[in-house]
Structure formats: C-alpha cells, structure tokens
C-alpha atoms as a PDB file:
ATOM      1  CA  UNK A   1      77.385  50.373 -48.264  1.00  0.00           C
ATOM      2  CA  UNK A   2      74.877  53.261 -48.072  1.00  0.00           C
ATOM      3  CA  UNK A   3      72.665  51.598 -50.641  1.00  0.00           C
ATOM      4  CA  UNK A   4      72.896  48.260 -48.994  1.00  0.00           C
ATOM      5  CA  UNK A   5      71.906  49.478 -45.729  1.00  0.00           C
ATOM      6  CA  UNK A   6      68.994  51.557 -47.404  1.00  0.00           C
ATOM      7  CA  UNK A   7      67.702  48.254 -48.902  1.00  0.00           C
ATOM      8  CA  UNK A   8      67.774  46.339 -45.679  1.00  0.00           C
ATOM      9  CA  UNK A   9      66.086  49.068 -44.037  1.00  0.00           C
ATOM     10  CA  UNK A  10      63.537  49.244 -46.411  1.00  0.00           C
ATOM     11  CA  UNK A  11      62.728  45.292 -46.201  1.00  0.00           C
ATOM     12  CA  UNK A  12      62.467  45.690 -42.589  1.00  0.00           C
ATOM     13  CA  UNK A  13      60.135  48.418 -42.988  1.00  0.00           C
ATOM     14  CA  UNK A  14      57.896  46.249 -45.920  1.00  0.00           C
ATOM     15  CA  UNK A  15      57.850  43.128 -43.632  1.00  0.00           C
ATOM     16  CA  UNK A  16      56.616  45.232 -40.285  1.00  0.00           C
ATOM     17  CA  UNK A  17      53.987  46.838 -42.665  1.00  0.00           C
ATOM     18  CA  UNK A  18      53.038  43.466 -44.191  1.00  0.00           C
ATOM     19  CA  UNK A  19      52.720  41.477 -40.739  1.00  0.00           C
ATOM     20  CA  UNK A  20      49.171  42.332 -39.802  1.00  0.00           C
ATOM     21  CA  UNK A  21      48.021  41.928 -42.899  1.00  0.00           C
ATOM     22  CA  UNK A  22      49.259  38.397 -42.699  1.00  0.00           C
ATOM     23  CA  UNK A  23      48.067  37.718 -39.248  1.00  0.00           C
ATOM     24  CA  UNK A  24      44.541  38.794 -40.689  1.00  0.00           C
ATOM     25  CA  UNK A  25      44.597  36.514 -43.471  1.00  0.00           C
ATOM     26  CA  UNK A  26      45.167  33.351 -41.054  1.00  0.00           C
ATOM     27  CA  UNK A  27      42.465  31.154 -40.111  1.00  0.00           C
ATOM     28  CA  UNK A  28      40.641  32.121 -36.927  1.00  0.00           C
ATOM     29  CA  UNK A  29      40.331  29.257 -34.444  1.00  0.00           C
ATOM     30  CA  UNK A  30      37.502  26.925 -34.911  1.00  0.00           C
ATOM     31  CA  UNK A  31      34.820  27.184 -32.795  1.00  0.00           C
ATOM     32  CA  UNK A  32      33.787  24.069 -31.204  1.00  0.00           C
ATOM     33  CA  UNK A  33      29.993  23.607 -30.067  1.00  0.00           C
ATOM     34  CA  UNK A  34      29.841  22.379 -26.714  1.00  0.00           C
ATOM     35  CA  UNK A  35      28.677  18.736 -26.444  1.00  0.00           C
ATOM     36  CA  UNK A  36      24.639  18.274 -26.013  1.00  0.00           C
ATOM     37  CA  UNK A  37      23.163  17.885 -22.486  1.00  0.00           C
ATOM     38  CA  UNK A  38      22.100  14.646 -21.529  1.00  0.00           C
ATOM     39  CA  UNK A  39      18.424  14.630 -20.622  1.00  0.00           C
ATOM     40  CA  UNK A  40      17.499  12.267 -18.120  1.00  0.00           C
ATOM     41  CA  UNK A  41      13.796  10.299 -19.115  1.00  0.00           C
ATOM     42  CA  UNK A  42      12.162   8.850 -16.138  1.00  0.00           C
ATOM     43  CA  UNK A  43      11.472   5.281 -16.799  1.00  0.00           C
ATOM     44  CA  UNK A  44       8.035   3.662 -15.307  1.00  0.00           C
ATOM     45  CA  UNK A  45       9.465  -0.017 -15.892  1.00  0.00           C
ATOM     46  CA  UNK A  46       9.583  -2.359 -13.156  1.00  0.00           C
ATOM     47  CA  UNK A  47       7.740  -4.057  -9.885  1.00  0.00           C
ATOM     48  CA  UNK A  48       6.413  -1.525  -7.209  1.00  0.00           C
ATOM     49  CA  UNK A  49       4.879  -1.515  -3.964  1.00  0.00           C
ATOM     50  CA  UNK A  50       2.696   1.334  -2.104  1.00  0.00           C
ATOM     51  CA  UNK A  51       0.112   2.526   0.467  1.00  0.00           C
ATOM     52  CA  UNK A  52      -2.914   4.363  -0.484  1.00  0.00           C
ATOM     53  CA  UNK A  53      -5.264   6.027   2.177  1.00  0.00           C
ATOM     54  CA  UNK A  54      -8.473   8.597   1.861  1.00  0.00           C
ATOM     55  CA  UNK A  55     -12.497   7.851   1.411  1.00  0.00           C
ATOM     56  CA  UNK A  56     -15.177   6.340  -0.236  1.00  0.00           C
ATOM     57  CA  UNK A  57     -19.006   6.118  -0.505  1.00  0.00           C
ATOM     58  CA  UNK A  58     -20.895   3.016  -0.918  1.00  0.00           C
ATOM     59  CA  UNK A  59     -24.835   3.334  -2.638  1.00  0.00           C
ATOM     60  CA  UNK A  60     -26.782   0.885  -1.255  1.00  0.00           C
ATOM     61  CA  UNK A  61     -30.361  -0.104  -2.446  1.00  0.00           C
ATOM     62  CA  UNK A  62     -32.406  -2.812  -0.445  1.00  0.00           C
ATOM     63  CA  UNK A  63     -35.262  -4.578  -2.182  1.00  0.00           C
ATOM     64  CA  UNK A  64     -37.768  -7.262  -0.293  1.00  0.00           C
ATOM     65  CA  UNK A  65     -39.906  -9.079  -2.515  1.00  0.00           C
ATOM     66  CA  UNK A  66     -39.627  -6.976  -5.575  1.00  0.00           C
ATOM     67  CA  UNK A  67     -40.571  -3.927  -3.144  1.00  0.00           C
ATOM     68  CA  UNK A  68     -38.006  -1.119  -2.554  1.00  0.00           C
ATOM     69  CA  UNK A  69     -37.032  -0.289   1.292  1.00  0.00           C
ATOM     70  CA  UNK A  70     -34.828   2.553  -0.213  1.00  0.00           C
ATOM     71  CA  UNK A  71     -31.636   3.529  -0.288  1.00  0.00           C
ATOM     72  CA  UNK A  72     -28.456   4.595   1.504  1.00  0.00           C
ATOM     73  CA  UNK A  73     -24.733   6.289   1.116  1.00  0.00           C
ATOM     74  CA  UNK A  74     -21.992   4.276   3.208  1.00  0.00           C
ATOM     75  CA  UNK A  75     -19.408   6.829   3.614  1.00  0.00           C
ATOM     76  CA  UNK A  76     -16.043   6.749   5.679  1.00  0.00           C
ATOM     77  CA  UNK A  77     -12.630   6.201   5.399  1.00  0.00           C
ATOM     78  CA  UNK A  78      -9.756   3.908   3.705  1.00  0.00           C
ATOM     79  CA  UNK A  79      -5.986   2.548   4.293  1.00  0.00           C
ATOM     80  CA  UNK A  80      -4.412  -0.151   2.232  1.00  0.00           C
ATOM     81  CA  UNK A  81      -1.263  -1.133  -0.243  1.00  0.00           C
ATOM     82  CA  UNK A  82      -0.929  -1.823  -3.518  1.00  0.00           C
ATOM     83  CA  UNK A  83       1.493  -4.187  -5.322  1.00  0.00           C
ATOM     84  CA  UNK A  84       2.414  -4.353  -9.314  1.00  0.00           C
ATOM     85  CA  UNK A  85       4.319  -4.328 -12.324  1.00  0.00           C
ATOM     86  CA  UNK A  86       4.634  -1.951 -15.325  1.00  0.00           C
ATOM     87  CA  UNK A  87       6.638  -1.982 -18.563  1.00  0.00           C
ATOM     88  CA  UNK A  88       7.089   1.092 -20.819  1.00  0.00           C
ATOM     89  CA  UNK A  89       7.534   1.546 -24.279  1.00  0.00           C
ATOM     90  CA  UNK A  90       7.948   4.684 -25.961  1.00  0.00           C
ATOM     91  CA  UNK A  91       5.442   6.937 -23.937  1.00  0.00           C
ATOM     92  CA  UNK A  92       3.076   4.223 -23.397  1.00  0.00           C
ATOM     93  CA  UNK A  93       2.876   2.280 -19.749  1.00  0.00           C
ATOM     94  CA  UNK A  94       1.259  -0.944 -19.412  1.00  0.00           C
ATOM     95  CA  UNK A  95       0.862  -2.450 -15.894  1.00  0.00           C
ATOM     96  CA  UNK A  96      -0.970  -5.234 -13.656  1.00  0.00           C
ATOM     97  CA  UNK A  97      -1.991  -4.427 -10.039  1.00  0.00           C
ATOM     98  CA  UNK A  98      -3.125  -5.741  -6.539  1.00  0.00           C
ATOM     99  CA  UNK A  99      -4.697  -3.739  -4.267  1.00  0.00           C
ATOM    100  CA  UNK A 100      -6.219  -4.345  -0.552  1.00  0.00           C
ATOM    101  CA  UNK A 101      -7.725  -2.162   1.821  1.00  0.00           C
ATOM    102  CA  UNK A 102      -9.665  -2.112   5.262  1.00  0.00           C
ATOM    103  CA  UNK A 103     -12.329   0.362   5.260  1.00  0.00           C
ATOM    104  CA  UNK A 104     -15.187   1.441   7.280  1.00  0.00           C
ATOM    105  CA  UNK A 105     -17.595   2.629   5.088  1.00  0.00           C
ATOM    106  CA  UNK A 106     -21.326   2.829   7.024  1.00  0.00           C
ATOM    107  CA  UNK A 107     -24.872   4.118   6.517  1.00  0.00           C
ATOM    108  CA  UNK A 108     -28.395   3.618   6.929  1.00  0.00           C
ATOM    109  CA  UNK A 109     -32.109   4.192   6.071  1.00  0.00           C
ATOM    110  CA  UNK A 110     -35.256   3.467   7.520  1.00  0.00           C
ATOM    111  CA  UNK A 111     -36.908   1.497   5.368  1.00  0.00           C
ATOM    112  CA  UNK A 112     -39.898   2.695   3.430  1.00  0.00           C
ATOM    113  CA  UNK A 113     -41.612  -0.490   3.259  1.00  0.00           C
ATOM    114  CA  UNK A 114     -41.231  -1.674   7.233  1.00  0.00           C
ATOM    115  CA  UNK A 115     -41.267   1.832   8.862  1.00  0.00           C
ATOM    116  CA  UNK A 116     -40.002  -0.008  12.261  1.00  0.00           C
ATOM    117  CA  UNK A 117     -36.817  -1.092  10.344  1.00  0.00           C
ATOM    118  CA  UNK A 118     -33.060   0.683  10.010  1.00  0.00           C
ATOM    119  CA  UNK A 119     -31.647  -0.830   7.400  1.00  0.00           C
ATOM    120  CA  UNK A 120     -27.973  -0.516   7.548  1.00  0.00           C
ATOM    121  CA  UNK A 121     -24.770  -1.312   5.391  1.00  0.00           C
ATOM    122  CA  UNK A 122     -21.071  -1.434   6.332  1.00  0.00           C
ATOM    123  CA  UNK A 123     -18.222  -2.272   4.372  1.00  0.00           C
ATOM    124  CA  UNK A 124     -15.053  -3.577   6.232  1.00  0.00           C
ATOM    125  CA  UNK A 125     -12.651  -4.179   3.200  1.00  0.00           C
ATOM    126  CA  UNK A 126     -12.445  -4.472  -0.575  1.00  0.00           C
ATOM    127  CA  UNK A 127      -9.659  -5.311  -3.015  1.00  0.00           C
ATOM    128  CA  UNK A 128      -9.276  -4.568  -6.963  1.00  0.00           C
ATOM    129  CA  UNK A 129      -7.492  -6.605  -9.261  1.00  0.00           C
ATOM    130  CA  UNK A 130      -6.785  -4.422 -12.428  1.00  0.00           C
ATOM    131  CA  UNK A 131      -4.844  -4.057 -15.486  1.00  0.00           C
ATOM    132  CA  UNK A 132      -3.369  -0.117 -16.555  1.00  0.00           C
ATOM    133  CA  UNK A 133      -2.589   1.347 -19.600  1.00  0.00           C
ATOM    134  CA  UNK A 134      -1.022   4.671 -19.521  1.00  0.00           C
ATOM    135  CA  UNK A 135       0.718   7.948 -21.114  1.00  0.00           C
ATOM    136  CA  UNK A 136       3.919   9.210 -19.804  1.00  0.00           C
ATOM    137  CA  UNK A 137       5.327  12.745 -20.304  1.00  0.00           C
ATOM    138  CA  UNK A 138       8.839  12.043 -18.811  1.00  0.00           C
ATOM    139  CA  UNK A 139       7.629  11.672 -14.808  1.00  0.00           C
ATOM    140  CA  UNK A 140       4.166  12.391 -15.093  1.00  0.00           C
ATOM    141  CA  UNK A 141       1.613   9.315 -15.930  1.00  0.00           C
ATOM    142  CA  UNK A 142      -1.894   9.542 -16.731  1.00  0.00           C
ATOM    143  CA  UNK A 143      -3.587   5.963 -16.862  1.00  0.00           C
ATOM    144  CA  UNK A 144      -6.762   4.388 -17.061  1.00  0.00           C
ATOM    145  CA  UNK A 145      -7.279   0.962 -15.139  1.00  0.00           C
ATOM    146  CA  UNK A 146     -10.243  -1.966 -15.117  1.00  0.00           C
ATOM    147  CA  UNK A 147     -10.691  -5.466 -13.898  1.00  0.00           C
ATOM    148  CA  UNK A 148     -12.267  -7.010 -10.926  1.00  0.00           C
ATOM    149  CA  UNK A 149     -13.387  -6.076  -7.742  1.00  0.00           C
ATOM    150  CA  UNK A 150     -14.506  -7.833  -4.255  1.00  0.00           C
ATOM    151  CA  UNK A 151     -16.068  -6.162  -1.138  1.00  0.00           C
ATOM    152  CA  UNK A 152     -16.923  -7.435   2.231  1.00  0.00           C
ATOM    153  CA  UNK A 153     -19.615  -6.326   3.723  1.00  0.00           C
ATOM    154  CA  UNK A 154     -22.282  -6.608   6.449  1.00  0.00           C
ATOM    155  CA  UNK A 155     -26.113  -6.019   6.575  1.00  0.00           C
ATOM    156  CA  UNK A 156     -27.884  -5.308   9.707  1.00  0.00           C
ATOM    157  CA  UNK A 157     -31.646  -4.228  10.684  1.00  0.00           C
ATOM    158  CA  UNK A 158     -32.058  -2.251  13.734  1.00  0.00           C
ATOM    159  CA  UNK A 159     -35.360  -1.821  15.592  1.00  0.00           C
ATOM    160  CA  UNK A 160     -36.892   2.146  15.497  1.00  0.00           C
ATOM    161  CA  UNK A 161     -36.952   3.263  17.882  1.00  0.00           C
ATOM    162  CA  UNK A 162     -34.743   1.981  20.693  1.00  0.00           C
ATOM    163  CA  UNK A 163     -32.073   0.884  18.243  1.00  0.00           C
ATOM    164  CA  UNK A 164     -32.011  -2.816  19.022  1.00  0.00           C
ATOM    165  CA  UNK A 165     -30.877  -5.390  16.563  1.00  0.00           C
ATOM    166  CA  UNK A 166     -33.772  -7.111  14.763  1.00  0.00           C
ATOM    167  CA  UNK A 167     -31.764  -9.371  11.904  1.00  0.00           C
ATOM    168  CA  UNK A 168     -28.014  -9.954  10.562  1.00  0.00           C
ATOM    169  CA  UNK A 169     -26.874 -10.908   6.997  1.00  0.00           C
ATOM    170  CA  UNK A 170     -23.409 -11.638   8.678  1.00  0.00           C
ATOM    171  CA  UNK A 171     -20.285 -10.657   6.613  1.00  0.00           C
ATOM    172  CA  UNK A 172     -20.918 -10.976   2.511  1.00  0.00           C
ATOM    173  CA  UNK A 173     -18.222 -11.020   0.556  1.00  0.00           C
ATOM    174  CA  UNK A 174     -19.333  -9.756  -3.098  1.00  0.00           C
ATOM    175  CA  UNK A 175     -17.647  -9.937  -6.592  1.00  0.00           C
ATOM    176  CA  UNK A 176     -17.932  -7.369  -9.239  1.00  0.00           C
ATOM    177  CA  UNK A 177     -15.972  -4.873 -11.525  1.00  0.00           C
ATOM    178  CA  UNK A 178     -14.064  -1.802 -11.451  1.00  0.00           C
ATOM    179  CA  UNK A 179     -13.111   0.724 -13.765  1.00  0.00           C
ATOM    180  CA  UNK A 180     -10.731   3.937 -12.699  1.00  0.00           C
ATOM    181  CA  UNK A 181      -8.638   6.829 -13.717  1.00  0.00           C
ATOM    182  CA  UNK A 182      -5.462   8.142 -12.389  1.00  0.00           C
ATOM    183  CA  UNK A 183      -2.380  10.784 -12.287  1.00  0.00           C
ATOM    184  CA  UNK A 184       1.208   9.818 -10.890  1.00  0.00           C
ATOM    185  CA  UNK A 185       4.220  11.947 -10.308  1.00  0.00           C
ATOM    186  CA  UNK A 186       7.554  10.599 -10.185  1.00  0.00           C
ATOM    187  CA  UNK A 187       9.312  13.078  -7.650  1.00  0.00           C
ATOM    188  CA  UNK A 188      12.218  10.909  -7.303  1.00  0.00           C
ATOM    189  CA  UNK A 189      14.126   8.118  -8.988  1.00  0.00           C
ATOM    190  CA  UNK A 190      12.368   5.279  -7.668  1.00  0.00           C
ATOM    191  CA  UNK A 191       9.197   7.273  -5.851  1.00  0.00           C
ATOM    192  CA  UNK A 192       6.285   8.572  -7.030  1.00  0.00           C
ATOM    193  CA  UNK A 193       2.931  10.153  -5.629  1.00  0.00           C
ATOM    194  CA  UNK A 194      -0.380   9.972  -6.881  1.00  0.00           C
ATOM    195  CA  UNK A 195      -4.279  10.616  -7.044  1.00  0.00           C
ATOM    196  CA  UNK A 196      -6.692   7.828  -7.978  1.00  0.00           C
ATOM    197  CA  UNK A 197     -10.950   7.533  -8.762  1.00  0.00           C
ATOM    198  CA  UNK A 198     -12.248   3.803  -8.816  1.00  0.00           C
ATOM    199  CA  UNK A 199     -15.659   3.167  -9.583  1.00  0.00           C
ATOM    200  CA  UNK A 200     -16.637  -0.351  -8.190  1.00  0.00           C
ATOM    201  CA  UNK A 201     -20.089  -1.827 -10.117  1.00  0.00           C
ATOM    202  CA  UNK A 202     -20.960  -5.088  -7.393  1.00  0.00           C
ATOM    203  CA  UNK A 203     -24.635  -5.278  -8.937  1.00  0.00           C
ATOM    204  CA  UNK A 204     -27.401  -7.243  -7.044  1.00  0.00           C
ATOM    205  CA  UNK A 205     -27.127 -10.201  -4.461  1.00  0.00           C
ATOM    206  CA  UNK A 206     -29.991 -11.629  -2.267  1.00  0.00           C
ATOM    207  CA  UNK A 207     -28.637 -11.681   1.539  1.00  0.00           C
ATOM    208  CA  UNK A 208     -30.139 -13.859   3.938  1.00  0.00           C
ATOM    209  CA  UNK A 209     -31.258 -12.543   7.583  1.00  0.00           C
ATOM    210  CA  UNK A 210     -30.791 -14.340  11.058  1.00  0.00           C
ATOM    211  CA  UNK A 211     -32.758 -12.915  14.373  1.00  0.00           C
ATOM    212  CA  UNK A 212     -30.241 -12.845  17.144  1.00  0.00           C
ATOM    213  CA  UNK A 213     -31.766 -15.996  18.458  1.00  0.00           C
ATOM    214  CA  UNK A 214     -30.724 -17.909  14.987  1.00  0.00           C
ATOM    215  CA  UNK A 215     -34.080 -18.142  13.845  1.00  0.00           C
ATOM    216  CA  UNK A 216     -34.615 -16.947   9.473  1.00  0.00           C
ATOM    217  CA  UNK A 217     -35.687 -13.672   9.166  1.00  0.00           C
ATOM    218  CA  UNK A 218     -36.004 -13.234   5.688  1.00  0.00           C
ATOM    219  CA  UNK A 219     -34.319 -11.871   2.486  1.00  0.00           C
ATOM    220  CA  UNK A 220     -33.291  -9.172   0.375  1.00  0.00           C
ATOM    221  CA  UNK A 221     -31.789  -8.038  -2.625  1.00  0.00           C
ATOM    222  CA  UNK A 222     -29.211  -5.326  -2.333  1.00  0.00           C
ATOM    223  CA  UNK A 223     -27.582  -3.604  -5.138  1.00  0.00           C
ATOM    224  CA  UNK A 224     -24.536  -2.061  -4.559  1.00  0.00           C
ATOM    225  CA  UNK A 225     -22.120   0.548  -6.435  1.00  0.00           C
ATOM    226  CA  UNK A 226     -18.723   2.140  -4.790  1.00  0.00           C
ATOM    227  CA  UNK A 227     -16.921   5.283  -5.388  1.00  0.00           C
ATOM    228  CA  UNK A 228     -13.146   5.740  -4.346  1.00  0.00           C
ATOM    229  CA  UNK A 229     -10.609   8.541  -3.856  1.00  0.00           C
ATOM    230  CA  UNK A 230      -7.178   8.137  -2.816  1.00  0.00           C
ATOM    231  CA  UNK A 231      -4.032   9.048  -2.572  1.00  0.00           C
ATOM    232  CA  UNK A 232      -0.962   6.948  -3.417  1.00  0.00           C
ATOM    233  CA  UNK A 233       2.788   6.338  -2.780  1.00  0.00           C
ATOM    234  CA  UNK A 234       4.778   3.852  -4.570  1.00  0.00           C
ATOM    235  CA  UNK A 235       8.232   3.026  -4.490  1.00  0.00           C
ATOM    236  CA  UNK A 236       9.692   1.176  -7.646  1.00  0.00           C
ATOM    237  CA  UNK A 237      12.617  -1.087  -7.686  1.00  0.00           C
ATOM    238  CA  UNK A 238      15.000  -1.430 -10.321  1.00  0.00           C
ATOM    239  CA  UNK A 239      16.939   0.945 -12.860  1.00  0.00           C
ATOM    240  CA  UNK A 240      14.886   4.189 -12.523  1.00  0.00           C
ATOM    241  CA  UNK A 241      16.756   6.595 -15.108  1.00  0.00           C
ATOM    242  CA  UNK A 242      17.528   6.093 -18.863  1.00  0.00           C
ATOM    243  CA  UNK A 243      20.101   8.824 -20.527  1.00  0.00           C
ATOM    244  CA  UNK A 244      18.503   9.983 -23.637  1.00  0.00           C
ATOM    245  CA  UNK A 245      20.617  12.327 -26.250  1.00  0.00           C
END
C-alpha cells in the first residue's frame, strides 16, 4: 500500500513539473494583421459650376494710317462665372469649360500723332471657351487650358484739354485665342477653390469712329492683348470620392 501511494505521489509530482513545459510547447495564438486603411481618392470627374473674380490688364496700341498713336494699359476688376465638365482617368484630368465675365478695364494715353487727342479703351466684358488638360495629386489639380476668347470693348477719343468727346467707335466685339494655367484644391467632397492666369491674344482690328454729330471721324487699327488673374470657387455635381485599397 505504501509503495502504491509513493508511486501515485511521484506521478503527480512529475505531472506538475511537466505541465509548464507542455504549455510552453503549445502553439502561440496566431497574430491577426489589422485590415488595411481605406484611402479616399478625390474624383475630379463631373459637371461643375462656379464663380470667379479678380483683375486684369489690357494692352492696347492704336495706329492711324500706318502711324503709331502710342499704347496704353486698360486695367481694372472683373467678376463672373464658369460652367464645365471634367473626366478623370488615373491622375490625368480632361475638361471643357465656358466662362463669362463682366469687366471694368479702362485706360488711355495722349496720342503721339494728334497731341490734342486722348485715346481711351474700355473692356466691359469677355468670354472664354476652352479645353483643359490637367494632372491630379489626389485633391490638388494642376492644369493648362486653351481655346477661343471674345472681348466686348469700347473706344473713345477725347479732347485735350477739356476732355470733351470728339469721336467714339461704340461697342466692338472681338474674337481671338487664349491660353492659361491654373491650380485647384478640393477642400470638400464637392467644393474646390483655385487660382488661374489667362492670356488673351486679340490681335489687330480696324474700328471706325463717329463724331457726336453722327459724322464719320476716321478709323484706327487697334491691337489688343489681355492678361487675367482670377480666383475661383467651383461646386461639382456627382460622386466625389472613390475608395482605394
């Protein structure tokens, strides 16, 4: 009996000593990697509408019968709106846009040919119809644009001194080309802000002047170029975000 009790006791002691080793040999709990984070990629595709405002300068050179009357810059402010559509493939963004602005660009100079005349140019409005190509870094878009431009201008000749109106060419609608560059930032799913520069090539145009009494007062060939600097806010319609793993 004592021998059996001794054997049983020895067995429990041996089992207790082996238990930690057995526990150590058990496979550790497998490590489960957390699921990857989902990165939200900004999507520039869709129709958009917006407003813009800023300033501009129009460089105008007048020529009478081949002789220069000098040049002047017509400067001022502008405000308007734009509507367009963009589609994105990978980081590349393509678009079409129409923009229309009211403007108040005014400037003048005393004629170098007729020293009693002050020639004045005023741009009342302009429009841009352009295509765009851009590259996006998520919600930051850098783009270039180009297309057609139209300006609505008025040309007047005033007496020096006194400032009385001598002749006017009325409103002149002129078509030309434009190129530009812009940087846009999407600060919310459907909202973006941006800065844009555009140069308008309006080339030469001959305008006919009429005196206040309605009599012809000659004609001038006027070359016009315009530089625009505007800030923009756009609202985009459609789905703003695509999930990427």
